[in-house]
Amino acid sequence: MVKKYKYHDTSAEYDENISEISRRAVLLDTASSVDEIMGVEGMAARHYWNCFRRLLKNPAFTRCEYRPSPDYVNALLNISYAFLANEITTCLTAKNFDLEIGFLHSIHYGRNSLALDMMEEFRSPVVDSWILSVLNKNQLKAEHFHVKNGDWRLTDEGFRKYCGLFHDQILPWREKFRTQSNNLKLALMKGETYEPYSE
């Protein structure tokens, strides 16, 4: 995604962030454990979010944070990831997966680790790029949010508008979620390598 939108930011800093992401990705080839993989991902993520921040016209976003959401951009990311996880959970459930057993996300009682694993394939193309578009087009703005106990949340009007926008965004992706869920099942049954989604 950050390469796709590079024409929005031709600065040396943006290029440096892309180079760092690429450099970290190479380290995955020699990673020997899940902890090493997640460590590489964590280092690359910092540069990814630097690019994301620079692509936003409104500088409300500083870094990616989970709850409480420190700004309305994080609030949008958090709710969108939750909705995306629900979509993928539905598709994996239809294929009779045990959702608590993941590959990268460890087993944690009550957590759908497998859905979180598959969601990683779709965070950037489904959610992140869409949020950039929605915010840069002013379809959702600060006025659609309020702060409660230091946590940014959508107002009732903002939530209604958000749901309509998200529905339009997610609809064409649902077949891709179903396809990837089926591909994962077939790969496991045949003992073959699973190929994650890529644009």
N, C-alpha and C. Protein backbone atom coordinates (compact mmCIF):
# COMPACT_ATOMS: atom_id res chain seq x y z
N MET A 1 0.82 -1.20 0.00
CA MET A 1 0.00 0.00 0.00
C MET A 1 0.86 1.26 0.00
N VAL A 2 1.93 1.24 0.81
CA VAL A 2 2.75 2.45 0.89
C VAL A 2 3.48 2.70 -0.43
N LYS A 3 3.78 1.65 -1.17
CA LYS A 3 4.38 1.84 -2.50
C LYS A 3 3.33 2.35 -3.48
N LYS A 4 2.12 1.84 -3.36
CA LYS A 4 1.03 2.24 -4.26
C LYS A 4 0.75 3.74 -4.16
N TYR A 5 0.82 4.27 -2.94
CA TYR A 5 0.49 5.68 -2.73
C TYR A 5 1.72 6.58 -2.66
N LYS A 6 2.85 6.07 -3.08
CA LYS A 6 4.10 6.84 -3.00
C LYS A 6 4.01 8.17 -3.75
N TYR A 7 3.21 8.22 -4.81
CA TYR A 7 3.14 9.46 -5.59
C TYR A 7 2.56 10.61 -4.77
N HIS A 8 1.92 10.32 -3.63
CA HIS A 8 1.40 11.37 -2.75
C HIS A 8 2.51 12.01 -1.92
N ASP A 9 3.61 11.30 -1.75
CA ASP A 9 4.70 11.80 -0.92
C ASP A 9 6.03 11.39 -1.56
N THR A 10 6.70 12.33 -2.17
CA THR A 10 7.95 12.04 -2.88
C THR A 10 9.18 12.40 -2.04
N SER A 11 9.00 12.55 -0.74
CA SER A 11 10.09 12.97 0.13
C SER A 11 11.09 11.83 0.35
N ALA A 12 12.29 12.21 0.77
CA ALA A 12 13.33 11.22 1.09
C ALA A 12 12.95 10.41 2.31
N GLU A 13 12.25 11.04 3.26
CA GLU A 13 11.83 10.32 4.46
C GLU A 13 10.86 9.19 4.12
N TYR A 14 9.94 9.45 3.20
CA TYR A 14 8.98 8.42 2.80
C TYR A 14 9.73 7.26 2.14
N ASP A 15 10.65 7.58 1.25
CA ASP A 15 11.44 6.55 0.57
C ASP A 15 12.24 5.74 1.57
N GLU A 16 12.77 6.40 2.60
CA GLU A 16 13.56 5.70 3.61
C GLU A 16 12.70 4.71 4.39
N ASN A 17 11.48 5.11 4.68
CA ASN A 17 10.58 4.19 5.37
C ASN A 17 10.28 2.95 4.52
N ILE A 18 10.06 3.14 3.24
CA ILE A 18 9.83 2.01 2.34
C ILE A 18 11.05 1.09 2.30
N SER A 19 12.23 1.69 2.23
CA SER A 19 13.46 0.90 2.21
C SER A 19 13.62 0.08 3.48
N GLU A 20 13.26 0.67 4.61
CA GLU A 20 13.37 -0.05 5.88
C GLU A 20 12.39 -1.21 5.95
N ILE A 21 11.19 -1.00 5.44
CA ILE A 21 10.20 -2.10 5.41
C ILE A 21 10.73 -3.25 4.56
N SER A 22 11.27 -2.93 3.39
CA SER A 22 11.82 -3.95 2.50
C SER A 22 12.99 -4.68 3.15
N ARG A 23 13.82 -3.93 3.86
CA ARG A 23 14.97 -4.53 4.53
C ARG A 23 14.53 -5.49 5.62
N ARG A 24 13.49 -5.12 6.36
CA ARG A 24 12.98 -6.01 7.41
C ARG A 24 12.35 -7.25 6.81
N ALA A 25 11.66 -7.08 5.68
CA ALA A 25 10.97 -8.23 5.05
C ALA A 25 11.96 -9.33 4.67
N VAL A 26 13.15 -8.94 4.26
CA VAL A 26 14.18 -9.93 3.90
C VAL A 26 14.55 -10.79 5.09
N LEU A 27 14.47 -10.22 6.30
CA LEU A 27 14.84 -10.96 7.50
C LEU A 27 13.89 -12.13 7.77
N LEU A 28 12.70 -12.07 7.20
CA LEU A 28 11.73 -13.15 7.40
C LEU A 28 12.21 -14.48 6.82
N ASP A 29 13.05 -14.38 5.79
CA ASP A 29 13.55 -15.60 5.14
C ASP A 29 14.39 -16.45 6.08
N THR A 30 15.02 -15.82 7.06
CA THR A 30 15.88 -16.56 7.98
C THR A 30 15.30 -16.66 9.39
N ALA A 31 14.10 -16.15 9.59
CA ALA A 31 13.47 -16.25 10.91
C ALA A 31 13.17 -17.71 11.23
N SER A 32 13.48 -18.13 12.45
CA SER A 32 13.32 -19.54 12.82
C SER A 32 12.24 -19.79 13.85
N SER A 33 11.53 -18.74 14.24
CA SER A 33 10.46 -18.90 15.24
C SER A 33 9.40 -17.83 15.03
N VAL A 34 8.25 -18.09 15.61
CA VAL A 34 7.17 -17.11 15.54
C VAL A 34 7.57 -15.81 16.23
N ASP A 35 8.30 -15.93 17.34
CA ASP A 35 8.75 -14.72 18.05
C ASP A 35 9.63 -13.86 17.16
N GLU A 36 10.52 -14.49 16.39
CA GLU A 36 11.37 -13.73 15.48
C GLU A 36 10.54 -13.05 14.39
N ILE A 37 9.57 -13.78 13.86
CA ILE A 37 8.69 -13.21 12.83
C ILE A 37 7.95 -12.00 13.36
N MET A 38 7.38 -12.13 14.56
CA MET A 38 6.63 -11.03 15.14
C MET A 38 7.54 -9.85 15.48
N GLY A 39 8.80 -10.15 15.84
CA GLY A 39 9.75 -9.08 16.10
C GLY A 39 10.06 -8.28 14.85
N VAL A 40 10.24 -8.99 13.74
CA VAL A 40 10.48 -8.33 12.46
C VAL A 40 9.27 -7.49 12.07
N GLU A 41 8.08 -8.06 12.25
CA GLU A 41 6.84 -7.35 11.92
C GLU A 41 6.72 -6.07 12.73
N GLY A 42 7.09 -6.15 14.01
CA GLY A 42 7.00 -4.98 14.87
C GLY A 42 7.93 -3.86 14.42
N MET A 43 9.14 -4.23 13.99
CA MET A 43 10.09 -3.22 13.52
C MET A 43 9.62 -2.60 12.20
N ALA A 44 9.09 -3.42 11.31
CA ALA A 44 8.61 -2.91 10.03
C ALA A 44 7.37 -2.05 10.20
N ALA A 45 6.53 -2.42 11.16
CA ALA A 45 5.27 -1.70 11.38
C ALA A 45 5.51 -0.23 11.71
N ARG A 46 6.57 0.03 12.45
CA ARG A 46 6.85 1.43 12.81
C ARG A 46 7.05 2.28 11.55
N HIS A 47 7.75 1.75 10.56
CA HIS A 47 7.99 2.47 9.32
C HIS A 47 6.72 2.54 8.47
N TYR A 48 5.92 1.48 8.52
CA TYR A 48 4.66 1.47 7.79
C TYR A 48 3.74 2.58 8.29
N TRP A 49 3.62 2.70 9.61
CA TRP A 49 2.73 3.71 10.17
C TRP A 49 3.27 5.11 9.98
N ASN A 50 4.59 5.25 9.86
CA ASN A 50 5.15 6.55 9.51
C ASN A 50 4.66 6.99 8.12
N CYS A 51 4.65 6.03 7.19
CA CYS A 51 4.15 6.32 5.84
C CYS A 51 2.66 6.65 5.89
N PHE A 52 1.91 5.85 6.64
CA PHE A 52 0.46 6.06 6.76
C PHE A 52 0.18 7.47 7.27
N ARG A 53 0.90 7.87 8.30
CA ARG A 53 0.70 9.20 8.88
C ARG A 53 0.96 10.30 7.85
N ARG A 54 2.00 10.13 7.05
CA ARG A 54 2.36 11.15 6.07
C ARG A 54 1.33 11.23 4.94
N LEU A 55 0.58 10.16 4.71
CA LEU A 55 -0.42 10.15 3.63
C LEU A 55 -1.73 10.81 4.05
N LEU A 56 -1.92 11.01 5.35
CA LEU A 56 -3.13 11.68 5.83
C LEU A 56 -3.00 13.19 5.66
N LYS A 57 -4.05 13.81 5.14
CA LYS A 57 -4.04 15.26 4.98
C LYS A 57 -4.16 15.97 6.32
N ASN A 58 -4.92 15.36 7.24
CA ASN A 58 -5.09 15.95 8.56
C ASN A 58 -4.12 15.26 9.53
N PRO A 59 -3.26 16.01 10.18
CA PRO A 59 -2.22 15.41 11.03
C PRO A 59 -2.72 14.97 12.41
N ALA A 60 -3.93 14.43 12.51
CA ALA A 60 -4.46 14.02 13.81
C ALA A 60 -3.78 12.76 14.33
N PHE A 61 -3.22 11.97 13.42
CA PHE A 61 -2.67 10.66 13.75
C PHE A 61 -1.17 10.77 14.01
N THR A 62 -0.71 10.16 15.11
CA THR A 62 0.73 10.15 15.39
C THR A 62 1.30 8.73 15.29
N ARG A 63 0.60 7.76 15.87
CA ARG A 63 1.06 6.37 15.81
C ARG A 63 -0.14 5.45 16.04
N CYS A 64 0.03 4.19 15.66
CA CYS A 64 -1.06 3.22 15.83
C CYS A 64 -1.14 2.79 17.29
N GLU A 65 -2.32 2.96 17.88
CA GLU A 65 -2.55 2.59 19.28
C GLU A 65 -3.88 1.86 19.38
N TYR A 66 -3.90 0.87 20.28
CA TYR A 66 -5.17 0.21 20.56
C TYR A 66 -5.86 0.96 21.69
N ARG A 67 -6.84 0.37 22.28
CA ARG A 67 -7.65 1.10 23.23
C ARG A 67 -6.87 1.51 24.47
N PRO A 68 -7.17 2.73 24.98
CA PRO A 68 -8.11 3.70 24.42
C PRO A 68 -7.54 4.38 23.18
N SER A 69 -8.41 4.71 22.24
CA SER A 69 -7.99 5.36 21.00
C SER A 69 -7.60 6.81 21.29
N PRO A 70 -6.35 7.19 21.04
CA PRO A 70 -5.91 8.55 21.37
C PRO A 70 -6.35 9.61 20.37
N ASP A 71 -6.92 9.19 19.25
CA ASP A 71 -7.39 10.14 18.24
C ASP A 71 -8.44 9.44 17.39
N TYR A 72 -9.12 10.18 16.54
CA TYR A 72 -10.21 9.59 15.78
C TYR A 72 -9.73 8.67 14.66
N VAL A 73 -8.49 8.83 14.21
CA VAL A 73 -7.95 7.92 13.20
C VAL A 73 -7.78 6.53 13.80
N ASN A 74 -7.21 6.47 15.00
CA ASN A 74 -7.09 5.18 15.68
C ASN A 74 -8.46 4.58 16.00
N ALA A 75 -9.42 5.43 16.33
CA ALA A 75 -10.77 4.93 16.59
C ALA A 75 -11.33 4.24 15.35
N LEU A 76 -11.11 4.84 14.18
CA LEU A 76 -11.56 4.23 12.93
C LEU A 76 -10.82 2.93 12.63
N LEU A 77 -9.53 2.91 12.85
CA LEU A 77 -8.75 1.70 12.63
C LEU A 77 -9.25 0.58 13.54
N ASN A 78 -9.47 0.88 14.80
CA ASN A 78 -9.87 -0.14 15.76
C ASN A 78 -11.24 -0.75 15.44
N ILE A 79 -12.21 0.09 15.15
CA ILE A 79 -13.54 -0.45 14.85
C ILE A 79 -13.54 -1.19 13.52
N SER A 80 -12.75 -0.71 12.56
CA SER A 80 -12.71 -1.37 11.25
C SER A 80 -12.02 -2.73 11.34
N TYR A 81 -10.97 -2.82 12.14
CA TYR A 81 -10.31 -4.12 12.33
C TYR A 81 -11.26 -5.10 13.03
N ALA A 82 -12.04 -4.59 13.97
CA ALA A 82 -13.00 -5.46 14.65
C ALA A 82 -14.06 -5.98 13.67
N PHE A 83 -14.56 -5.10 12.81
CA PHE A 83 -15.56 -5.52 11.82
C PHE A 83 -14.93 -6.49 10.81
N LEU A 84 -13.69 -6.23 10.42
CA LEU A 84 -13.00 -7.13 9.49
C LEU A 84 -12.80 -8.51 10.12
N ALA A 85 -12.42 -8.54 11.38
CA ALA A 85 -12.24 -9.82 12.08
C ALA A 85 -13.54 -10.60 12.10
N ASN A 86 -14.66 -9.92 12.29
CA ASN A 86 -15.96 -10.60 12.29
C ASN A 86 -16.27 -11.21 10.93
N GLU A 87 -15.96 -10.48 9.88
CA GLU A 87 -16.20 -10.98 8.53
C GLU A 87 -15.40 -12.26 8.27
N ILE A 88 -14.15 -12.24 8.65
CA ILE A 88 -13.28 -13.39 8.41
C ILE A 88 -13.64 -14.55 9.33
N THR A 89 -14.02 -14.24 10.56
CA THR A 89 -14.47 -15.28 11.48
C THR A 89 -15.65 -16.05 10.90
N THR A 90 -16.58 -15.34 10.30
CA THR A 90 -17.74 -15.99 9.69
C THR A 90 -17.32 -16.96 8.59
N CYS A 91 -16.38 -16.54 7.75
CA CYS A 91 -15.93 -17.40 6.64
C CYS A 91 -15.18 -18.63 7.13
N LEU A 92 -14.33 -18.45 8.14
CA LEU A 92 -13.59 -19.59 8.68
C LEU A 92 -14.50 -20.55 9.43
N THR A 93 -15.48 -20.00 10.11
CA THR A 93 -16.45 -20.84 10.82
C THR A 93 -17.22 -21.72 9.84
N ALA A 94 -17.55 -21.15 8.68
CA ALA A 94 -18.28 -21.91 7.65
C ALA A 94 -17.46 -23.09 7.14
N LYS A 95 -16.13 -23.03 7.30
CA LYS A 95 -15.24 -24.11 6.87
C LYS A 95 -14.86 -25.03 8.03
N ASN A 96 -15.54 -24.84 9.17
CA ASN A 96 -15.38 -25.72 10.34
C ASN A 96 -13.98 -25.67 10.98
N PHE A 97 -13.33 -24.52 10.92
CA PHE A 97 -12.05 -24.36 11.59
C PHE A 97 -12.24 -24.19 13.10
N ASP A 98 -11.26 -24.64 13.87
CA ASP A 98 -11.17 -24.30 15.28
C ASP A 98 -10.47 -22.95 15.35
N LEU A 99 -11.21 -21.91 15.59
CA LEU A 99 -10.68 -20.56 15.46
C LEU A 99 -9.68 -20.17 16.54
N GLU A 100 -9.66 -20.89 17.66
CA GLU A 100 -8.74 -20.52 18.73
C GLU A 100 -7.31 -20.97 18.44
N ILE A 101 -7.12 -21.83 17.43
CA ILE A 101 -5.79 -22.31 17.09
C ILE A 101 -5.26 -21.52 15.90
N GLY A 102 -4.26 -20.69 16.16
CA GLY A 102 -3.68 -19.87 15.10
C GLY A 102 -2.26 -20.29 14.77
N PHE A 103 -1.67 -19.60 13.82
CA PHE A 103 -0.29 -19.86 13.42
C PHE A 103 0.66 -18.83 14.04
N LEU A 104 0.32 -17.57 13.91
CA LEU A 104 1.14 -16.49 14.45
C LEU A 104 0.60 -16.00 15.78
N HIS A 105 -0.71 -15.84 15.88
CA HIS A 105 -1.31 -15.44 17.14
C HIS A 105 -1.44 -16.68 18.02
N SER A 106 -0.93 -16.60 19.23
CA SER A 106 -0.91 -17.76 20.12
C SER A 106 -2.32 -18.11 20.61
N ILE A 107 -2.45 -19.31 21.11
CA ILE A 107 -3.74 -19.76 21.65
C ILE A 107 -4.04 -18.99 22.93
N HIS A 108 -5.19 -18.38 22.93
CA HIS A 108 -5.64 -17.60 24.09
C HIS A 108 -7.13 -17.83 24.23
N TYR A 109 -7.55 -18.31 25.37
CA TYR A 109 -8.95 -18.68 25.56
C TYR A 109 -9.89 -17.54 25.18
N GLY A 110 -10.86 -17.86 24.32
CA GLY A 110 -11.85 -16.88 23.91
C GLY A 110 -11.44 -15.98 22.77
N ARG A 111 -10.20 -16.13 22.29
CA ARG A 111 -9.73 -15.30 21.18
C ARG A 111 -9.68 -16.12 19.89
N ASN A 112 -10.20 -15.55 18.82
CA ASN A 112 -10.20 -16.23 17.52
C ASN A 112 -8.85 -15.98 16.83
N SER A 113 -7.83 -16.69 17.29
CA SER A 113 -6.47 -16.44 16.81
C SER A 113 -6.32 -16.68 15.31
N LEU A 114 -7.00 -17.70 14.78
CA LEU A 114 -6.88 -17.99 13.36
C LEU A 114 -7.47 -16.86 12.52
N ALA A 115 -8.58 -16.30 12.97
CA ALA A 115 -9.17 -15.16 12.25
C ALA A 115 -8.23 -13.96 12.27
N LEU A 116 -7.55 -13.76 13.39
CA LEU A 116 -6.58 -12.65 13.48
C LEU A 116 -5.40 -12.89 12.54
N ASP A 117 -5.00 -14.16 12.40
CA ASP A 117 -3.93 -14.48 11.45
C ASP A 117 -4.33 -14.11 10.03
N MET A 118 -5.50 -14.58 9.61
CA MET A 118 -5.93 -14.32 8.24
C MET A 118 -6.22 -12.84 8.02
N MET A 119 -6.64 -12.17 9.07
CA MET A 119 -6.93 -10.75 8.94
C MET A 119 -5.70 -9.95 8.54
N GLU A 120 -4.49 -10.44 8.90
CA GLU A 120 -3.27 -9.73 8.56
C GLU A 120 -3.13 -9.54 7.05
N GLU A 121 -3.66 -10.49 6.28
CA GLU A 121 -3.58 -10.39 4.82
C GLU A 121 -4.39 -9.22 4.28
N PHE A 122 -5.42 -8.85 5.03
CA PHE A 122 -6.41 -7.91 4.50
C PHE A 122 -6.43 -6.55 5.20
N ARG A 123 -5.67 -6.39 6.26
CA ARG A 123 -5.69 -5.11 6.99
C ARG A 123 -5.39 -3.94 6.05
N SER A 124 -4.30 -4.04 5.34
CA SER A 124 -3.86 -2.91 4.51
C SER A 124 -4.78 -2.64 3.33
N PRO A 125 -5.10 -3.64 2.49
CA PRO A 125 -5.93 -3.33 1.32
C PRO A 125 -7.39 -3.04 1.66
N VAL A 126 -7.92 -3.67 2.71
CA VAL A 126 -9.34 -3.50 3.01
C VAL A 126 -9.59 -2.32 3.94
N VAL A 127 -8.78 -2.18 4.97
CA VAL A 127 -9.04 -1.17 6.00
C VAL A 127 -8.17 0.07 5.85
N ASP A 128 -6.85 -0.12 5.87
CA ASP A 128 -5.95 1.04 5.95
C ASP A 128 -6.10 1.98 4.75
N SER A 129 -6.07 1.42 3.55
CA SER A 129 -6.18 2.27 2.35
C SER A 129 -7.55 2.93 2.29
N TRP A 130 -8.58 2.22 2.74
CA TRP A 130 -9.94 2.77 2.74
C TRP A 130 -10.06 3.93 3.72
N ILE A 131 -9.47 3.78 4.89
CA ILE A 131 -9.52 4.85 5.89
C ILE A 131 -8.78 6.09 5.39
N LEU A 132 -7.68 5.89 4.73
CA LEU A 132 -6.99 7.04 4.13
C LEU A 132 -7.93 7.78 3.17
N SER A 133 -8.63 7.03 2.36
CA SER A 133 -9.54 7.63 1.38
C SER A 133 -10.70 8.35 2.06
N VAL A 134 -11.32 7.69 3.02
CA VAL A 134 -12.48 8.26 3.72
C VAL A 134 -12.11 9.56 4.43
N LEU A 135 -10.97 9.56 5.08
CA LEU A 135 -10.56 10.75 5.83
C LEU A 135 -10.07 11.86 4.90
N ASN A 136 -9.31 11.52 3.89
CA ASN A 136 -8.79 12.55 2.99
C ASN A 136 -9.88 13.17 2.13
N LYS A 137 -11.00 12.44 1.95
CA LYS A 137 -12.14 13.00 1.23
C LYS A 137 -13.14 13.67 2.17
N ASN A 138 -12.80 13.69 3.47
CA ASN A 138 -13.66 14.31 4.49
C ASN A 138 -15.03 13.65 4.59
N GLN A 139 -15.11 12.37 4.26
CA GLN A 139 -16.38 11.65 4.43
C GLN A 139 -16.66 11.41 5.91
N LEU A 140 -15.59 11.25 6.68
CA LEU A 140 -15.69 11.21 8.14
C LEU A 140 -14.68 12.22 8.68
N LYS A 141 -15.12 12.99 9.69
CA LYS A 141 -14.28 14.04 10.23
C LYS A 141 -14.33 14.00 11.76
N ALA A 142 -13.54 14.86 12.38
CA ALA A 142 -13.48 14.91 13.85
C ALA A 142 -14.86 15.13 14.45
N GLU A 143 -15.71 15.85 13.76
CA GLU A 143 -17.05 16.14 14.30
C GLU A 143 -17.93 14.90 14.40
N HIS A 144 -17.55 13.82 13.75
CA HIS A 144 -18.31 12.57 13.83
C HIS A 144 -17.90 11.72 15.03
N PHE A 145 -17.05 12.28 15.90
CA PHE A 145 -16.53 11.55 17.06
C PHE A 145 -16.72 12.37 18.33
N HIS A 146 -16.65 11.67 19.45
CA HIS A 146 -16.60 12.34 20.74
C HIS A 146 -15.61 11.58 21.62
N VAL A 147 -15.17 12.20 22.68
CA VAL A 147 -14.19 11.59 23.57
C VAL A 147 -14.86 11.21 24.89
N LYS A 148 -14.70 9.95 25.28
CA LYS A 148 -15.26 9.48 26.55
C LYS A 148 -14.16 8.75 27.31
N ASN A 149 -13.84 9.26 28.49
CA ASN A 149 -12.77 8.68 29.32
C ASN A 149 -11.46 8.55 28.55
N GLY A 150 -11.15 9.58 27.77
CA GLY A 150 -9.90 9.59 27.01
C GLY A 150 -9.90 8.71 25.78
N ASP A 151 -11.05 8.17 25.43
CA ASP A 151 -11.17 7.24 24.30
C ASP A 151 -12.04 7.88 23.22
N TRP A 152 -11.49 8.05 22.01
CA TRP A 152 -12.26 8.61 20.91
C TRP A 152 -13.24 7.56 20.39
N ARG A 153 -14.51 7.96 20.23
CA ARG A 153 -15.55 7.06 19.74
C ARG A 153 -16.45 7.78 18.75
N LEU A 154 -17.06 7.02 17.87
CA LEU A 154 -18.02 7.59 16.92
C LEU A 154 -19.27 8.05 17.66
N THR A 155 -19.81 9.18 17.24
CA THR A 155 -21.12 9.60 17.73
C THR A 155 -22.18 8.71 17.07
N ASP A 156 -23.42 8.82 17.50
CA ASP A 156 -24.49 8.02 16.89
C ASP A 156 -24.60 8.33 15.40
N GLU A 157 -24.57 9.62 15.07
CA GLU A 157 -24.63 10.01 13.66
C GLU A 157 -23.40 9.51 12.91
N GLY A 158 -22.23 9.63 13.54
CA GLY A 158 -21.00 9.17 12.93
C GLY A 158 -21.01 7.67 12.70
N PHE A 159 -21.56 6.92 13.65
CA PHE A 159 -21.61 5.46 13.52
C PHE A 159 -22.52 5.05 12.36
N ARG A 160 -23.66 5.74 12.24
CA ARG A 160 -24.57 5.43 11.13
C ARG A 160 -23.88 5.68 9.78
N LYS A 161 -23.19 6.80 9.70
CA LYS A 161 -22.49 7.12 8.46
C LYS A 161 -21.36 6.13 8.21
N TYR A 162 -20.62 5.82 9.26
CA TYR A 162 -19.53 4.86 9.14
C TYR A 162 -20.03 3.51 8.63
N CYS A 163 -21.11 3.01 9.20
CA CYS A 163 -21.64 1.69 8.82
C CYS A 163 -22.01 1.64 7.34
N GLY A 164 -22.59 2.73 6.84
CA GLY A 164 -22.93 2.77 5.42
C GLY A 164 -21.70 2.74 4.54
N LEU A 165 -20.68 3.52 4.93
CA LEU A 165 -19.44 3.57 4.16
C LEU A 165 -18.71 2.23 4.22
N PHE A 166 -18.68 1.62 5.41
CA PHE A 166 -17.97 0.34 5.56
C PHE A 166 -18.67 -0.77 4.79
N HIS A 167 -19.99 -0.75 4.80
CA HIS A 167 -20.74 -1.77 4.04
C HIS A 167 -20.38 -1.73 2.57
N ASP A 168 -20.32 -0.52 2.01
CA ASP A 168 -19.97 -0.39 0.60
C ASP A 168 -18.54 -0.87 0.32
N GLN A 169 -17.66 -0.65 1.31
CA GLN A 169 -16.27 -1.06 1.15
C GLN A 169 -16.11 -2.59 1.25
N ILE A 170 -16.79 -3.20 2.20
CA ILE A 170 -16.55 -4.61 2.50
C ILE A 170 -17.25 -5.55 1.52
N LEU A 171 -18.34 -5.11 0.93
CA LEU A 171 -19.15 -5.98 0.08
C LEU A 171 -18.34 -6.70 -1.01
N PRO A 172 -17.53 -6.00 -1.81
CA PRO A 172 -16.80 -6.70 -2.87
C PRO A 172 -15.66 -7.59 -2.37
N TRP A 173 -15.32 -7.47 -1.08
CA TRP A 173 -14.23 -8.27 -0.52
C TRP A 173 -14.69 -9.62 0.02
N ARG A 174 -15.97 -9.78 0.26
CA ARG A 174 -16.45 -10.99 0.94
C ARG A 174 -16.13 -12.27 0.18
N GLU A 175 -16.21 -12.23 -1.13
CA GLU A 175 -15.88 -13.42 -1.91
C GLU A 175 -14.40 -13.76 -1.76
N LYS A 176 -13.55 -12.76 -1.64
CA LYS A 176 -12.12 -13.00 -1.43
C LYS A 176 -11.88 -13.64 -0.07
N PHE A 177 -12.62 -13.21 0.95
CA PHE A 177 -12.49 -13.83 2.27
C PHE A 177 -12.89 -15.31 2.20
N ARG A 178 -13.98 -15.59 1.51
CA ARG A 178 -14.44 -16.98 1.39
C ARG A 178 -13.42 -17.82 0.62
N THR A 179 -12.86 -17.25 -0.43
CA THR A 179 -11.87 -17.97 -1.24
C THR A 179 -10.63 -18.31 -0.42
N GLN A 180 -10.14 -17.34 0.35
CA GLN A 180 -8.94 -17.58 1.14
C GLN A 180 -9.21 -18.59 2.26
N SER A 181 -10.38 -18.56 2.84
CA SER A 181 -10.73 -19.54 3.87
C SER A 181 -10.73 -20.94 3.27
N ASN A 182 -11.27 -21.07 2.08
CA ASN A 182 -11.29 -22.36 1.41
C ASN A 182 -9.87 -22.79 1.01
N ASN A 183 -9.06 -21.84 0.53
CA ASN A 183 -7.68 -22.14 0.17
C ASN A 183 -6.88 -22.64 1.36
N LEU A 184 -7.11 -22.04 2.52
CA LEU A 184 -6.41 -22.48 3.72
C LEU A 184 -6.81 -23.90 4.09
N LYS A 185 -8.10 -24.19 4.02
CA LYS A 185 -8.58 -25.54 4.34
C LYS A 185 -7.96 -26.58 3.39
N LEU A 186 -7.96 -26.28 2.09
CA LEU A 186 -7.40 -27.21 1.11
C LEU A 186 -5.90 -27.41 1.32
N ALA A 187 -5.18 -26.33 1.63
CA ALA A 187 -3.74 -26.43 1.86
C ALA A 187 -3.43 -27.32 3.05
N LEU A 188 -4.19 -27.17 4.11
CA LEU A 188 -3.97 -27.99 5.30
C LEU A 188 -4.32 -29.46 5.04
N MET A 189 -5.40 -29.70 4.33
CA MET A 189 -5.81 -31.07 4.05
C MET A 189 -4.83 -31.78 3.13
N LYS A 190 -4.24 -31.03 2.20
CA LYS A 190 -3.31 -31.63 1.23
C LYS A 190 -1.85 -31.53 1.66
N GLY A 191 -1.59 -30.85 2.77
CA GLY A 191 -0.22 -30.69 3.22
C GLY A 191 0.59 -29.77 2.32
N GLU A 192 -0.09 -28.81 1.70
CA GLU A 192 0.57 -27.89 0.78
C GLU A 192 0.79 -26.52 1.43
N THR A 193 1.59 -25.70 0.78
CA THR A 193 1.86 -24.36 1.27
C THR A 193 0.66 -23.45 1.01
N TYR A 194 0.25 -22.73 2.01
CA TYR A 194 -0.86 -21.78 1.87
C TYR A 194 -0.33 -20.47 1.30
N GLU A 195 -0.97 -19.98 0.28
CA GLU A 195 -0.58 -18.71 -0.34
C GLU A 195 -1.51 -17.61 0.15
N PRO A 196 -1.01 -16.64 0.90
CA PRO A 196 -1.88 -15.56 1.39
C PRO A 196 -2.33 -14.65 0.26
N TYR A 197 -3.37 -13.90 0.50
CA TYR A 197 -3.90 -12.99 -0.50
C TYR A 197 -2.89 -11.88 -0.79
N SER A 198 -2.76 -11.54 -2.04
CA SER A 198 -1.96 -10.38 -2.44
C SER A 198 -2.60 -9.74 -3.63
N GLU A 199 -2.53 -8.41 -3.70
CA GLU A 199 -3.15 -7.69 -4.80
C GLU A 199 -2.31 -7.79 -6.06
